[in-house]
Amino acid sequence: MAIIRRRMPFKIIVTAGPTLEPIDPVRFISNRSTGYMGYKIAEIAVKRRHSITLISGPARLKPPKVKRFISIETADELLKAIKKEIKKADCLIMCAAVSDFRAKKPARKKIKRNKGMSLKLIPNKDLLKELAREKRGKLFVGFSLETENIVKNSVKKLKTKNLDLVVVNRLTKSHNPFGDNKLDVCIIGSSGQKITLYNKYKSYIAHVLLDKIEQLWYLER
């Protein structure tokens, strides 16, 4: 029997943008994320009168008028910010593109040019795994960007990270998911249901995703 919640605004954490992992004081490891998708989700969620905390890595975008905006750089800073906010939240939308690796020992001073340099990388923490103990009673939404075995890898992520929804995207030479571009995406739910969207702007995708999140929240199975 479904539990029907009153249709009242709820508290959502949206993460957006890339993380920057320092190599030395001037160099870093990062990725091509612009933050556009996360910012658009936050903007539209505010218009739906939800209470939004936007946690963002460096992005050349003007933040929407959310209840709380938190700026971060590294994956560790992102995790710390989420842990601080998650206890008060109903939903986490993990749209940030977190760097998978970081330098094992960032240099304190700028590394000078020489004949060669070896950089020792270690994995960053799995943020959703670290947050698993905070999930009870909350909705967790993830994003998956793949270059091969797109649906298979994304369904695996959905299950192993105990997500309620995963938004599946692909990266090819002709399909660039970064910036304000039209995308082909598939939204997959934990019960196996799929919503496939072709050639849609991120604002449209954000509306469809929030529709699905609200459906899960107000009519919880």
N, C-alpha and C. Protein backbone atom coordinates (compact mmCIF):
# COMPACT_ATOMS: atom_id res chain seq x y z
N MET A 1 0.83 -1.20 0.00
CA MET A 1 0.00 0.00 0.00
C MET A 1 0.87 1.25 0.00
N ALA A 2 0.59 2.18 -0.89
CA ALA A 2 1.39 3.39 -1.01
C ALA A 2 1.12 4.35 0.14
N ILE A 3 2.16 5.04 0.55
CA ILE A 3 2.03 6.10 1.53
C ILE A 3 1.89 7.41 0.77
N ILE A 4 0.78 8.10 0.92
CA ILE A 4 0.54 9.33 0.18
C ILE A 4 0.97 10.52 1.03
N ARG A 5 1.98 11.24 0.56
CA ARG A 5 2.44 12.43 1.27
C ARG A 5 1.63 13.64 0.82
N ARG A 6 1.50 14.60 1.70
CA ARG A 6 0.85 15.86 1.32
C ARG A 6 1.73 16.56 0.31
N ARG A 7 1.10 17.19 -0.69
CA ARG A 7 1.87 17.86 -1.74
C ARG A 7 2.37 19.20 -1.22
N MET A 8 3.45 19.11 -0.45
CA MET A 8 4.10 20.30 0.08
C MET A 8 5.53 20.33 -0.45
N PRO A 9 6.14 21.51 -0.55
CA PRO A 9 7.54 21.59 -0.99
C PRO A 9 8.43 20.75 -0.09
N PHE A 10 9.46 20.16 -0.66
CA PHE A 10 10.39 19.41 0.15
C PHE A 10 11.81 19.91 -0.08
N LYS A 11 12.73 19.42 0.73
CA LYS A 11 14.10 19.94 0.74
C LYS A 11 15.01 19.09 -0.13
N ILE A 12 15.63 19.74 -1.10
CA ILE A 12 16.46 19.04 -2.08
C ILE A 12 17.87 19.62 -2.07
N ILE A 13 18.86 18.73 -2.04
CA ILE A 13 20.25 19.11 -2.28
C ILE A 13 20.57 18.79 -3.73
N VAL A 14 21.06 19.77 -4.46
CA VAL A 14 21.53 19.56 -5.82
C VAL A 14 23.03 19.83 -5.85
N THR A 15 23.81 18.88 -6.36
CA THR A 15 25.24 19.13 -6.55
C THR A 15 25.49 19.35 -8.03
N ALA A 16 26.46 20.21 -8.35
CA ALA A 16 26.67 20.59 -9.75
C ALA A 16 28.13 20.92 -10.00
N GLY A 17 28.49 20.90 -11.28
CA GLY A 17 29.82 21.32 -11.70
C GLY A 17 30.89 20.28 -11.47
N PRO A 18 32.12 20.63 -11.81
CA PRO A 18 33.25 19.70 -11.63
C PRO A 18 33.86 19.85 -10.25
N THR A 19 34.73 18.91 -9.89
CA THR A 19 35.62 19.13 -8.76
C THR A 19 37.02 19.38 -9.31
N LEU A 20 37.84 20.09 -8.54
CA LEU A 20 39.22 20.38 -8.89
C LEU A 20 40.13 19.75 -7.84
N GLU A 21 41.03 18.88 -8.28
CA GLU A 21 41.93 18.20 -7.36
C GLU A 21 43.35 18.71 -7.60
N PRO A 22 43.95 19.41 -6.63
CA PRO A 22 45.22 20.08 -6.86
C PRO A 22 46.39 19.13 -7.10
N ILE A 23 47.25 19.54 -8.03
CA ILE A 23 48.54 18.89 -8.25
C ILE A 23 49.62 19.70 -7.54
N ASP A 24 49.52 21.01 -7.71
CA ASP A 24 50.37 21.97 -6.99
C ASP A 24 49.53 23.24 -6.84
N PRO A 25 50.05 24.35 -6.34
CA PRO A 25 49.20 25.53 -6.12
C PRO A 25 48.56 26.12 -7.37
N VAL A 26 49.04 25.77 -8.58
CA VAL A 26 48.48 26.36 -9.79
C VAL A 26 47.88 25.34 -10.76
N ARG A 27 48.13 24.07 -10.55
CA ARG A 27 47.65 23.04 -11.48
C ARG A 27 46.68 22.11 -10.77
N PHE A 28 45.80 21.49 -11.55
CA PHE A 28 44.80 20.61 -10.93
C PHE A 28 44.31 19.58 -11.93
N ILE A 29 43.64 18.56 -11.42
CA ILE A 29 42.94 17.55 -12.22
C ILE A 29 41.45 17.88 -12.18
N SER A 30 40.81 17.86 -13.32
CA SER A 30 39.38 18.16 -13.34
C SER A 30 38.73 17.46 -14.53
N ASN A 31 37.58 17.96 -14.96
CA ASN A 31 36.86 17.38 -16.09
C ASN A 31 36.10 18.50 -16.81
N ARG A 32 35.35 18.16 -17.84
CA ARG A 32 34.73 19.16 -18.72
C ARG A 32 33.35 19.63 -18.26
N SER A 33 32.91 19.22 -17.09
CA SER A 33 31.58 19.62 -16.63
C SER A 33 31.46 21.14 -16.52
N THR A 34 30.34 21.68 -17.01
CA THR A 34 30.07 23.12 -16.92
C THR A 34 29.16 23.47 -15.75
N GLY A 35 28.46 22.47 -15.19
CA GLY A 35 27.50 22.72 -14.12
C GLY A 35 26.11 23.08 -14.62
N TYR A 36 25.95 23.17 -15.95
CA TYR A 36 24.69 23.67 -16.50
C TYR A 36 23.48 22.82 -16.10
N MET A 37 23.62 21.50 -16.14
CA MET A 37 22.49 20.63 -15.82
C MET A 37 22.06 20.80 -14.38
N GLY A 38 23.02 20.79 -13.45
CA GLY A 38 22.68 20.95 -12.04
C GLY A 38 22.05 22.30 -11.74
N TYR A 39 22.59 23.36 -12.36
CA TYR A 39 22.04 24.70 -12.14
C TYR A 39 20.61 24.79 -12.68
N LYS A 40 20.37 24.16 -13.81
CA LYS A 40 19.02 24.19 -14.40
C LYS A 40 18.03 23.41 -13.52
N ILE A 41 18.45 22.26 -12.98
CA ILE A 41 17.59 21.50 -12.07
C ILE A 41 17.25 22.35 -10.85
N ALA A 42 18.26 23.00 -10.27
CA ALA A 42 18.04 23.84 -9.09
C ALA A 42 17.09 25.00 -9.41
N GLU A 43 17.29 25.63 -10.54
CA GLU A 43 16.45 26.77 -10.94
C GLU A 43 14.98 26.37 -11.07
N ILE A 44 14.75 25.26 -11.75
CA ILE A 44 13.36 24.83 -11.98
C ILE A 44 12.74 24.32 -10.68
N ALA A 45 13.52 23.66 -9.84
CA ALA A 45 13.01 23.19 -8.55
C ALA A 45 12.59 24.37 -7.67
N VAL A 46 13.34 25.47 -7.73
CA VAL A 46 12.96 26.68 -6.99
C VAL A 46 11.62 27.20 -7.49
N LYS A 47 11.43 27.21 -8.79
CA LYS A 47 10.16 27.66 -9.37
C LYS A 47 8.99 26.78 -8.93
N ARG A 48 9.29 25.53 -8.60
CA ARG A 48 8.26 24.61 -8.09
C ARG A 48 8.11 24.75 -6.57
N ARG A 49 8.79 25.73 -6.00
CA ARG A 49 8.68 26.11 -4.59
C ARG A 49 9.33 25.12 -3.63
N HIS A 50 10.24 24.30 -4.14
CA HIS A 50 11.00 23.44 -3.24
C HIS A 50 12.14 24.24 -2.61
N SER A 51 12.61 23.78 -1.45
CA SER A 51 13.71 24.42 -0.74
C SER A 51 15.02 23.80 -1.23
N ILE A 52 15.85 24.59 -1.91
CA ILE A 52 17.01 24.05 -2.60
C ILE A 52 18.32 24.52 -1.99
N THR A 53 19.19 23.56 -1.73
CA THR A 53 20.59 23.84 -1.41
C THR A 53 21.41 23.40 -2.61
N LEU A 54 22.12 24.33 -3.21
CA LEU A 54 22.95 24.03 -4.38
C LEU A 54 24.41 24.04 -3.94
N ILE A 55 25.07 22.90 -4.11
CA ILE A 55 26.48 22.76 -3.78
C ILE A 55 27.23 22.61 -5.09
N SER A 56 28.11 23.56 -5.39
CA SER A 56 28.69 23.61 -6.73
C SER A 56 30.20 23.71 -6.72
N GLY A 57 30.81 22.97 -7.64
CA GLY A 57 32.20 23.17 -7.96
C GLY A 57 32.33 24.41 -8.84
N PRO A 58 33.54 24.77 -9.23
CA PRO A 58 33.74 25.97 -10.05
C PRO A 58 32.95 25.92 -11.36
N ALA A 59 32.12 26.91 -11.58
CA ALA A 59 31.29 26.97 -12.78
C ALA A 59 31.14 28.43 -13.20
N ARG A 60 31.17 28.68 -14.47
CA ARG A 60 31.03 30.04 -14.98
C ARG A 60 29.56 30.35 -15.23
N LEU A 61 28.78 30.17 -14.21
CA LEU A 61 27.33 30.37 -14.30
C LEU A 61 26.87 31.18 -13.10
N LYS A 62 25.83 31.96 -13.29
CA LYS A 62 25.24 32.69 -12.18
C LYS A 62 24.30 31.75 -11.43
N PRO A 63 24.52 31.55 -10.13
CA PRO A 63 23.65 30.63 -9.38
C PRO A 63 22.21 31.12 -9.36
N PRO A 64 21.25 30.21 -9.46
CA PRO A 64 19.84 30.61 -9.30
C PRO A 64 19.58 31.02 -7.86
N LYS A 65 18.44 31.61 -7.62
CA LYS A 65 18.10 32.12 -6.28
C LYS A 65 17.61 31.01 -5.38
N VAL A 66 18.57 30.18 -4.96
CA VAL A 66 18.27 29.05 -4.09
C VAL A 66 18.30 29.50 -2.64
N LYS A 67 17.80 28.65 -1.74
CA LYS A 67 17.83 28.98 -0.32
C LYS A 67 19.26 29.07 0.19
N ARG A 68 20.10 28.15 -0.28
CA ARG A 68 21.49 28.12 0.20
C ARG A 68 22.40 27.70 -0.94
N PHE A 69 23.47 28.48 -1.16
CA PHE A 69 24.46 28.15 -2.19
C PHE A 69 25.80 27.92 -1.50
N ILE A 70 26.42 26.78 -1.78
CA ILE A 70 27.70 26.43 -1.17
C ILE A 70 28.71 26.16 -2.28
N SER A 71 29.83 26.86 -2.22
CA SER A 71 30.88 26.69 -3.22
C SER A 71 31.96 25.76 -2.69
N ILE A 72 32.34 24.78 -3.52
CA ILE A 72 33.39 23.83 -3.14
C ILE A 72 34.38 23.70 -4.30
N GLU A 73 35.51 23.04 -4.03
CA GLU A 73 36.46 22.74 -5.11
C GLU A 73 36.73 21.24 -5.21
N THR A 74 37.14 20.62 -4.11
CA THR A 74 37.57 19.22 -4.17
C THR A 74 36.43 18.26 -3.83
N ALA A 75 36.66 16.98 -4.15
CA ALA A 75 35.68 15.94 -3.82
C ALA A 75 35.49 15.84 -2.31
N ASP A 76 36.57 15.97 -1.56
CA ASP A 76 36.47 15.91 -0.09
C ASP A 76 35.63 17.07 0.44
N GLU A 77 35.79 18.26 -0.13
CA GLU A 77 34.98 19.41 0.29
C GLU A 77 33.52 19.18 -0.05
N LEU A 78 33.26 18.57 -1.21
CA LEU A 78 31.89 18.27 -1.60
C LEU A 78 31.25 17.29 -0.63
N LEU A 79 31.97 16.23 -0.30
CA LEU A 79 31.45 15.24 0.63
C LEU A 79 31.16 15.86 1.99
N LYS A 80 32.06 16.68 2.48
CA LYS A 80 31.88 17.33 3.78
C LYS A 80 30.64 18.23 3.76
N ALA A 81 30.44 18.96 2.66
CA ALA A 81 29.28 19.86 2.56
C ALA A 81 27.97 19.07 2.52
N ILE A 82 27.96 17.96 1.77
CA ILE A 82 26.74 17.15 1.69
C ILE A 82 26.42 16.55 3.05
N LYS A 83 27.43 16.02 3.73
CA LYS A 83 27.20 15.41 5.04
C LYS A 83 26.61 16.42 6.03
N LYS A 84 27.02 17.66 5.90
CA LYS A 84 26.51 18.70 6.80
C LYS A 84 25.06 19.03 6.52
N GLU A 85 24.66 18.95 5.23
CA GLU A 85 23.31 19.36 4.83
C GLU A 85 22.31 18.22 4.74
N ILE A 86 22.79 16.98 4.59
CA ILE A 86 21.91 15.87 4.23
C ILE A 86 20.90 15.52 5.31
N LYS A 87 21.22 15.72 6.55
CA LYS A 87 20.30 15.35 7.63
C LYS A 87 19.01 16.18 7.56
N LYS A 88 19.08 17.37 6.98
CA LYS A 88 17.91 18.24 6.88
C LYS A 88 17.20 18.09 5.54
N ALA A 89 17.71 17.23 4.67
CA ALA A 89 17.19 17.14 3.30
C ALA A 89 16.27 15.93 3.12
N ASP A 90 15.43 16.02 2.09
CA ASP A 90 14.55 14.91 1.71
C ASP A 90 15.07 14.19 0.48
N CYS A 91 15.87 14.89 -0.33
CA CYS A 91 16.31 14.34 -1.61
C CYS A 91 17.70 14.87 -1.95
N LEU A 92 18.54 13.99 -2.49
CA LEU A 92 19.86 14.37 -2.99
C LEU A 92 19.91 14.09 -4.49
N ILE A 93 20.18 15.13 -5.27
CA ILE A 93 20.37 14.97 -6.72
C ILE A 93 21.85 15.17 -7.00
N MET A 94 22.54 14.07 -7.25
CA MET A 94 24.00 14.09 -7.36
C MET A 94 24.40 14.31 -8.82
N CYS A 95 24.37 15.59 -9.22
CA CYS A 95 24.65 15.94 -10.61
C CYS A 95 26.11 16.37 -10.82
N ALA A 96 26.83 16.62 -9.75
CA ALA A 96 28.23 17.04 -9.86
C ALA A 96 29.07 15.97 -10.54
N ALA A 97 30.04 16.42 -11.32
CA ALA A 97 30.98 15.50 -11.96
C ALA A 97 32.22 15.42 -11.08
N VAL A 98 32.26 14.42 -10.24
CA VAL A 98 33.33 14.29 -9.25
C VAL A 98 34.54 13.61 -9.89
N SER A 99 35.70 14.23 -9.74
CA SER A 99 36.93 13.62 -10.27
C SER A 99 37.16 12.27 -9.60
N ASP A 100 37.42 11.26 -10.41
CA ASP A 100 37.62 9.92 -9.86
C ASP A 100 38.95 9.79 -9.13
N PHE A 101 39.93 10.61 -9.53
CA PHE A 101 41.27 10.49 -8.96
C PHE A 101 41.78 11.85 -8.46
N ARG A 102 42.75 11.78 -7.57
CA ARG A 102 43.44 12.98 -7.08
C ARG A 102 44.91 12.64 -6.90
N ALA A 103 45.73 13.67 -6.85
CA ALA A 103 47.16 13.46 -6.61
C ALA A 103 47.37 12.94 -5.19
N LYS A 104 48.19 11.91 -5.07
CA LYS A 104 48.43 11.34 -3.74
C LYS A 104 49.05 12.36 -2.80
N LYS A 105 49.96 13.15 -3.32
CA LYS A 105 50.64 14.15 -2.48
C LYS A 105 50.84 15.43 -3.29
N PRO A 106 49.86 16.36 -3.26
CA PRO A 106 50.02 17.61 -4.00
C PRO A 106 51.25 18.38 -3.51
N ALA A 107 51.96 18.98 -4.44
CA ALA A 107 53.15 19.76 -4.10
C ALA A 107 52.74 21.08 -3.44
N ARG A 108 53.50 21.51 -2.46
CA ARG A 108 53.20 22.77 -1.77
C ARG A 108 53.63 23.97 -2.59
N LYS A 109 54.64 23.78 -3.46
CA LYS A 109 55.11 24.85 -4.32
C LYS A 109 54.92 24.45 -5.78
N LYS A 110 54.90 25.45 -6.64
CA LYS A 110 54.73 25.16 -8.07
C LYS A 110 55.84 24.25 -8.57
N ILE A 111 55.44 23.18 -9.26
CA ILE A 111 56.40 22.23 -9.81
C ILE A 111 57.07 22.86 -11.03
N LYS A 112 58.38 22.91 -11.05
CA LYS A 112 59.11 23.49 -12.15
C LYS A 112 59.20 22.53 -13.33
N ARG A 113 59.26 23.12 -14.53
CA ARG A 113 59.40 22.31 -15.73
C ARG A 113 60.74 21.57 -15.70
N ASN A 114 60.71 20.28 -16.04
CA ASN A 114 61.94 19.51 -16.16
C ASN A 114 61.78 18.50 -17.28
N LYS A 115 62.64 17.54 -17.34
CA LYS A 115 62.58 16.59 -18.45
C LYS A 115 61.38 15.66 -18.36
N GLY A 116 60.84 15.49 -17.21
CA GLY A 116 59.70 14.61 -17.06
C GLY A 116 59.23 14.57 -15.62
N MET A 117 58.01 14.13 -15.43
CA MET A 117 57.47 14.05 -14.08
C MET A 117 56.47 12.92 -14.01
N SER A 118 56.50 12.15 -12.96
CA SER A 118 55.51 11.11 -12.73
C SER A 118 54.54 11.60 -11.66
N LEU A 119 53.26 11.43 -11.93
CA LEU A 119 52.23 11.89 -10.99
C LEU A 119 51.52 10.67 -10.43
N LYS A 120 51.61 10.47 -9.13
CA LYS A 120 50.95 9.34 -8.48
C LYS A 120 49.51 9.72 -8.15
N LEU A 121 48.55 8.97 -8.72
CA LEU A 121 47.14 9.24 -8.49
C LEU A 121 46.53 8.17 -7.61
N ILE A 122 45.61 8.58 -6.77
CA ILE A 122 44.84 7.64 -5.95
C ILE A 122 43.36 7.94 -6.12
N PRO A 123 42.50 6.94 -5.94
CA PRO A 123 41.06 7.16 -6.14
C PRO A 123 40.48 8.09 -5.07
N ASN A 124 39.55 8.93 -5.50
CA ASN A 124 38.76 9.69 -4.54
C ASN A 124 37.75 8.76 -3.88
N LYS A 125 37.19 9.19 -2.78
CA LYS A 125 36.15 8.40 -2.11
C LYS A 125 34.92 8.28 -3.00
N ASP A 126 34.23 7.17 -2.89
CA ASP A 126 32.94 6.99 -3.56
C ASP A 126 31.90 7.73 -2.73
N LEU A 127 31.49 8.91 -3.19
CA LEU A 127 30.65 9.79 -2.37
C LEU A 127 29.31 9.15 -2.02
N LEU A 128 28.66 8.53 -2.98
CA LEU A 128 27.35 7.93 -2.70
C LEU A 128 27.49 6.75 -1.73
N LYS A 129 28.59 6.01 -1.83
CA LYS A 129 28.83 4.93 -0.87
C LYS A 129 29.04 5.50 0.53
N GLU A 130 29.77 6.59 0.61
CA GLU A 130 30.02 7.24 1.90
C GLU A 130 28.73 7.77 2.51
N LEU A 131 27.77 8.13 1.65
CA LEU A 131 26.52 8.74 2.12
C LEU A 131 25.42 7.72 2.34
N ALA A 132 25.69 6.45 2.08
CA ALA A 132 24.65 5.41 2.13
C ALA A 132 23.93 5.37 3.47
N ARG A 133 24.65 5.57 4.56
CA ARG A 133 24.04 5.48 5.89
C ARG A 133 23.06 6.63 6.15
N GLU A 134 23.12 7.67 5.32
CA GLU A 134 22.24 8.84 5.49
C GLU A 134 20.96 8.72 4.65
N LYS A 135 20.84 7.64 3.89
CA LYS A 135 19.77 7.56 2.88
C LYS A 135 18.38 7.29 3.45
N ARG A 136 18.27 6.69 4.57
CA ARG A 136 16.98 6.23 5.08
C ARG A 136 15.90 7.31 4.99
N GLY A 137 14.82 6.99 4.25
CA GLY A 137 13.71 7.90 4.11
C GLY A 137 13.92 9.01 3.10
N LYS A 138 15.06 8.99 2.41
CA LYS A 138 15.37 10.04 1.44
C LYS A 138 15.43 9.45 0.03
N LEU A 139 15.31 10.32 -0.96
CA LEU A 139 15.49 9.92 -2.35
C LEU A 139 16.90 10.29 -2.79
N PHE A 140 17.58 9.35 -3.44
CA PHE A 140 18.91 9.60 -3.98
C PHE A 140 18.84 9.45 -5.50
N VAL A 141 19.30 10.47 -6.20
CA VAL A 141 19.30 10.48 -7.66
C VAL A 141 20.73 10.67 -8.14
N GLY A 142 21.18 9.80 -9.06
CA GLY A 142 22.53 9.90 -9.58
C GLY A 142 22.54 10.16 -11.08
N PHE A 143 23.71 10.51 -11.58
CA PHE A 143 23.91 10.71 -13.02
C PHE A 143 25.03 9.79 -13.48
N SER A 144 24.91 9.29 -14.70
CA SER A 144 25.89 8.37 -15.25
C SER A 144 26.29 8.81 -16.65
N LEU A 145 27.56 9.06 -16.85
CA LEU A 145 28.08 9.42 -18.17
C LEU A 145 29.00 8.29 -18.63
N GLU A 146 28.65 7.68 -19.75
CA GLU A 146 29.38 6.51 -20.23
C GLU A 146 29.76 6.66 -21.69
N THR A 147 30.81 5.93 -22.08
CA THR A 147 31.22 5.90 -23.49
C THR A 147 30.95 4.54 -24.12
N GLU A 148 30.64 3.53 -23.30
CA GLU A 148 30.34 2.19 -23.81
C GLU A 148 29.48 1.44 -22.78
N ASN A 149 28.77 0.41 -23.26
CA ASN A 149 27.87 -0.36 -22.38
C ASN A 149 27.05 0.58 -21.50
N ILE A 150 26.44 1.57 -22.13
CA ILE A 150 25.86 2.71 -21.42
C ILE A 150 24.78 2.30 -20.43
N VAL A 151 23.78 1.57 -20.89
CA VAL A 151 22.68 1.19 -20.00
C VAL A 151 23.15 0.16 -18.98
N LYS A 152 23.93 -0.82 -19.40
CA LYS A 152 24.41 -1.86 -18.49
C LYS A 152 25.21 -1.25 -17.34
N ASN A 153 26.15 -0.37 -17.66
CA ASN A 153 26.97 0.26 -16.62
C ASN A 153 26.13 1.14 -15.70
N SER A 154 25.13 1.80 -16.27
CA SER A 154 24.30 2.71 -15.47
C SER A 154 23.36 1.95 -14.54
N VAL A 155 22.83 0.82 -15.01
CA VAL A 155 21.98 -0.01 -14.14
C VAL A 155 22.80 -0.58 -13.00
N LYS A 156 24.04 -0.95 -13.29
CA LYS A 156 24.94 -1.43 -12.23
C LYS A 156 25.16 -0.35 -11.19
N LYS A 157 25.37 0.88 -11.64
CA LYS A 157 25.54 2.01 -10.73
C LYS A 157 24.29 2.22 -9.89
N LEU A 158 23.13 2.13 -10.51
CA LEU A 158 21.86 2.30 -9.82
C LEU A 158 21.74 1.31 -8.66
N LYS A 159 22.11 0.05 -8.91
CA LYS A 159 21.96 -1.00 -7.91
C LYS A 159 23.04 -0.92 -6.83
N THR A 160 24.30 -0.79 -7.25
CA THR A 160 25.39 -0.83 -6.28
C THR A 160 25.40 0.38 -5.36
N LYS A 161 24.87 1.50 -5.85
CA LYS A 161 24.87 2.73 -5.04
C LYS A 161 23.50 2.99 -4.40
N ASN A 162 22.58 2.02 -4.56
CA ASN A 162 21.26 2.10 -3.92
C ASN A 162 20.53 3.40 -4.26
N LEU A 163 20.49 3.71 -5.57
CA LEU A 163 19.82 4.92 -6.04
C LEU A 163 18.35 4.64 -6.33
N ASP A 164 17.55 5.68 -6.26
CA ASP A 164 16.14 5.58 -6.65
C ASP A 164 15.98 5.86 -8.14
N LEU A 165 16.84 6.73 -8.67
CA LEU A 165 16.83 7.06 -10.10
C LEU A 165 18.26 7.31 -10.56
N VAL A 166 18.54 6.98 -11.81
CA VAL A 166 19.81 7.36 -12.42
C VAL A 166 19.51 7.95 -13.79
N VAL A 167 20.16 9.06 -14.10
CA VAL A 167 20.02 9.71 -15.40
C VAL A 167 21.21 9.31 -16.24
N VAL A 168 20.94 8.61 -17.33
CA VAL A 168 21.99 8.01 -18.15
C VAL A 168 22.30 8.92 -19.34
N ASN A 169 23.56 9.23 -19.51
CA ASN A 169 24.01 10.05 -20.63
C ASN A 169 25.16 9.36 -21.33
N ARG A 170 25.42 9.75 -22.57
CA ARG A 170 26.50 9.14 -23.32
C ARG A 170 27.42 10.21 -23.89
N LEU A 171 28.66 9.82 -24.07
CA LEU A 171 29.65 10.72 -24.64
C LEU A 171 30.25 10.06 -25.88
N THR A 172 30.03 10.70 -27.04
CA THR A 172 30.61 10.23 -28.30
C THR A 172 31.13 11.46 -29.05
N LYS A 173 31.76 11.24 -30.18
CA LYS A 173 32.28 12.35 -30.99
C LYS A 173 31.15 13.27 -31.46
N SER A 174 29.98 12.71 -31.67
CA SER A 174 28.86 13.51 -32.19
C SER A 174 27.84 13.89 -31.11
N HIS A 175 28.07 13.45 -29.88
CA HIS A 175 27.10 13.73 -28.81
C HIS A 175 27.86 14.32 -27.62
N ASN A 176 27.84 15.64 -27.52
CA ASN A 176 28.57 16.34 -26.47
C ASN A 176 27.61 16.73 -25.35
N PRO A 177 27.75 16.14 -24.16
CA PRO A 177 26.81 16.41 -23.08
C PRO A 177 27.12 17.66 -22.27
N PHE A 178 28.20 18.37 -22.63
CA PHE A 178 28.62 19.50 -21.82
C PHE A 178 28.04 20.82 -22.34
N GLY A 179 27.64 21.69 -21.41
CA GLY A 179 27.09 22.98 -21.79
C GLY A 179 25.61 22.92 -22.09
N ASP A 180 25.12 23.93 -22.80
CA ASP A 180 23.69 24.05 -23.11
C ASP A 180 23.40 23.37 -24.44
N ASN A 181 23.41 22.06 -24.42
CA ASN A 181 23.20 21.28 -25.64
C ASN A 181 21.96 20.41 -25.51
N LYS A 182 21.39 20.04 -26.66
CA LYS A 182 20.32 19.06 -26.65
C LYS A 182 20.94 17.67 -26.45
N LEU A 183 20.26 16.85 -25.65
CA LEU A 183 20.81 15.55 -25.28
C LEU A 183 19.82 14.42 -25.52
N ASP A 184 20.37 13.22 -25.64
CA ASP A 184 19.59 12.00 -25.54
C ASP A 184 19.90 11.41 -24.17
N VAL A 185 18.91 11.23 -23.33
CA VAL A 185 19.14 10.64 -22.01
C VAL A 185 18.08 9.59 -21.72
N CYS A 186 18.39 8.75 -20.75
CA CYS A 186 17.43 7.76 -20.28
C CYS A 186 17.40 7.84 -18.76
N ILE A 187 16.21 8.01 -18.19
CA ILE A 187 16.04 8.04 -16.74
C ILE A 187 15.55 6.66 -16.32
N ILE A 188 16.35 5.98 -15.49
CA ILE A 188 16.03 4.61 -15.08
C ILE A 188 15.72 4.58 -13.59
N GLY A 189 14.61 3.94 -13.23
CA GLY A 189 14.20 3.82 -11.85
C GLY A 189 14.64 2.50 -11.23
N SER A 190 14.61 2.43 -9.92
CA SER A 190 15.07 1.23 -9.22
C SER A 190 14.21 0.01 -9.50
N SER A 191 12.97 0.22 -9.93
CA SER A 191 12.10 -0.91 -10.26
C SER A 191 12.21 -1.31 -11.73
N GLY A 192 13.10 -0.64 -12.46
CA GLY A 192 13.35 -1.01 -13.86
C GLY A 192 12.67 -0.14 -14.89
N GLN A 193 11.78 0.77 -14.45
CA GLN A 193 11.10 1.61 -15.42
C GLN A 193 12.07 2.58 -16.08
N LYS A 194 11.82 2.89 -17.37
CA LYS A 194 12.71 3.77 -18.12
C LYS A 194 11.93 4.87 -18.82
N ILE A 195 12.50 6.06 -18.82
CA ILE A 195 11.96 7.18 -19.59
C ILE A 195 13.08 7.63 -20.52
N THR A 196 12.90 7.49 -21.81
CA THR A 196 13.93 7.85 -22.78
C THR A 196 13.54 9.16 -23.46
N LEU A 197 14.48 10.10 -23.48
CA LEU A 197 14.26 11.41 -24.07
C LEU A 197 15.29 11.63 -25.18
N TYR A 198 14.83 12.05 -26.34
CA TYR A 198 15.71 12.26 -27.47
C TYR A 198 15.78 13.75 -27.85
N ASN A 199 17.01 14.23 -28.03
CA ASN A 199 17.25 15.57 -28.56
C ASN A 199 16.48 16.64 -27.78
N LYS A 200 16.63 16.62 -26.46
CA LYS A 200 15.92 17.57 -25.60
C LYS A 200 16.92 18.48 -24.88
N TYR A 201 16.52 19.75 -24.71
CA TYR A 201 17.35 20.67 -23.94
C TYR A 201 17.35 20.26 -22.47
N LYS A 202 18.37 20.71 -21.75
CA LYS A 202 18.52 20.33 -20.35
C LYS A 202 17.37 20.86 -19.48
N SER A 203 16.79 21.99 -19.86
CA SER A 203 15.64 22.51 -19.11
C SER A 203 14.47 21.54 -19.19
N TYR A 204 14.24 20.96 -20.35
CA TYR A 204 13.16 19.98 -20.51
C TYR A 204 13.47 18.72 -19.71
N ILE A 205 14.73 18.26 -19.80
CA ILE A 205 15.14 17.07 -19.04
C ILE A 205 14.96 17.30 -17.55
N ALA A 206 15.31 18.50 -17.08
CA ALA A 206 15.16 18.84 -15.67
C ALA A 206 13.70 18.75 -15.24
N HIS A 207 12.78 19.24 -16.06
CA HIS A 207 11.35 19.17 -15.74
C HIS A 207 10.89 17.71 -15.63
N VAL A 208 11.30 16.88 -16.58
CA VAL A 208 10.88 15.47 -16.57
C VAL A 208 11.46 14.77 -15.34
N LEU A 209 12.71 15.05 -15.04
CA LEU A 209 13.34 14.42 -13.87
C LEU A 209 12.64 14.85 -12.58
N LEU A 210 12.34 16.12 -12.44
CA LEU A 210 11.66 16.60 -11.23
C LEU A 210 10.23 16.05 -11.14
N ASP A 211 9.58 15.87 -12.28
CA ASP A 211 8.25 15.23 -12.28
C ASP A 211 8.36 13.83 -11.66
N LYS A 212 9.39 13.09 -12.08
CA LYS A 212 9.56 11.73 -11.59
C LYS A 212 9.93 11.72 -10.12
N ILE A 213 10.78 12.63 -9.69
CA ILE A 213 11.16 12.72 -8.28
C ILE A 213 9.94 13.04 -7.42
N GLU A 214 9.13 13.99 -7.87
CA GLU A 214 7.92 14.34 -7.12
C GLU A 214 6.94 13.18 -7.06
N GLN A 215 6.84 12.43 -8.15
CA GLN A 215 5.96 11.26 -8.15
C GLN A 215 6.41 10.24 -7.09
N LEU A 216 7.72 10.00 -7.02
CA LEU A 216 8.25 9.05 -6.05
C LEU A 216 8.08 9.59 -4.62
N TRP A 217 8.23 10.89 -4.43
CA TRP A 217 8.16 11.45 -3.10
C TRP A 217 6.73 11.50 -2.57
N TYR A 218 5.80 11.97 -3.38
CA TYR A 218 4.43 12.14 -2.93
C TYR A 218 3.65 10.82 -2.89
N LEU A 219 4.07 9.86 -3.72
CA LEU A 219 3.42 8.54 -3.72
C LEU A 219 4.48 7.49 -3.47
N GLU A 220 5.05 7.47 -2.29
CA GLU A 220 6.13 6.55 -1.95
C GLU A 220 5.62 5.12 -1.87
N ARG A 221 6.35 4.22 -2.55
CA ARG A 221 5.96 2.82 -2.49
C ARG A 221 6.41 2.19 -1.19
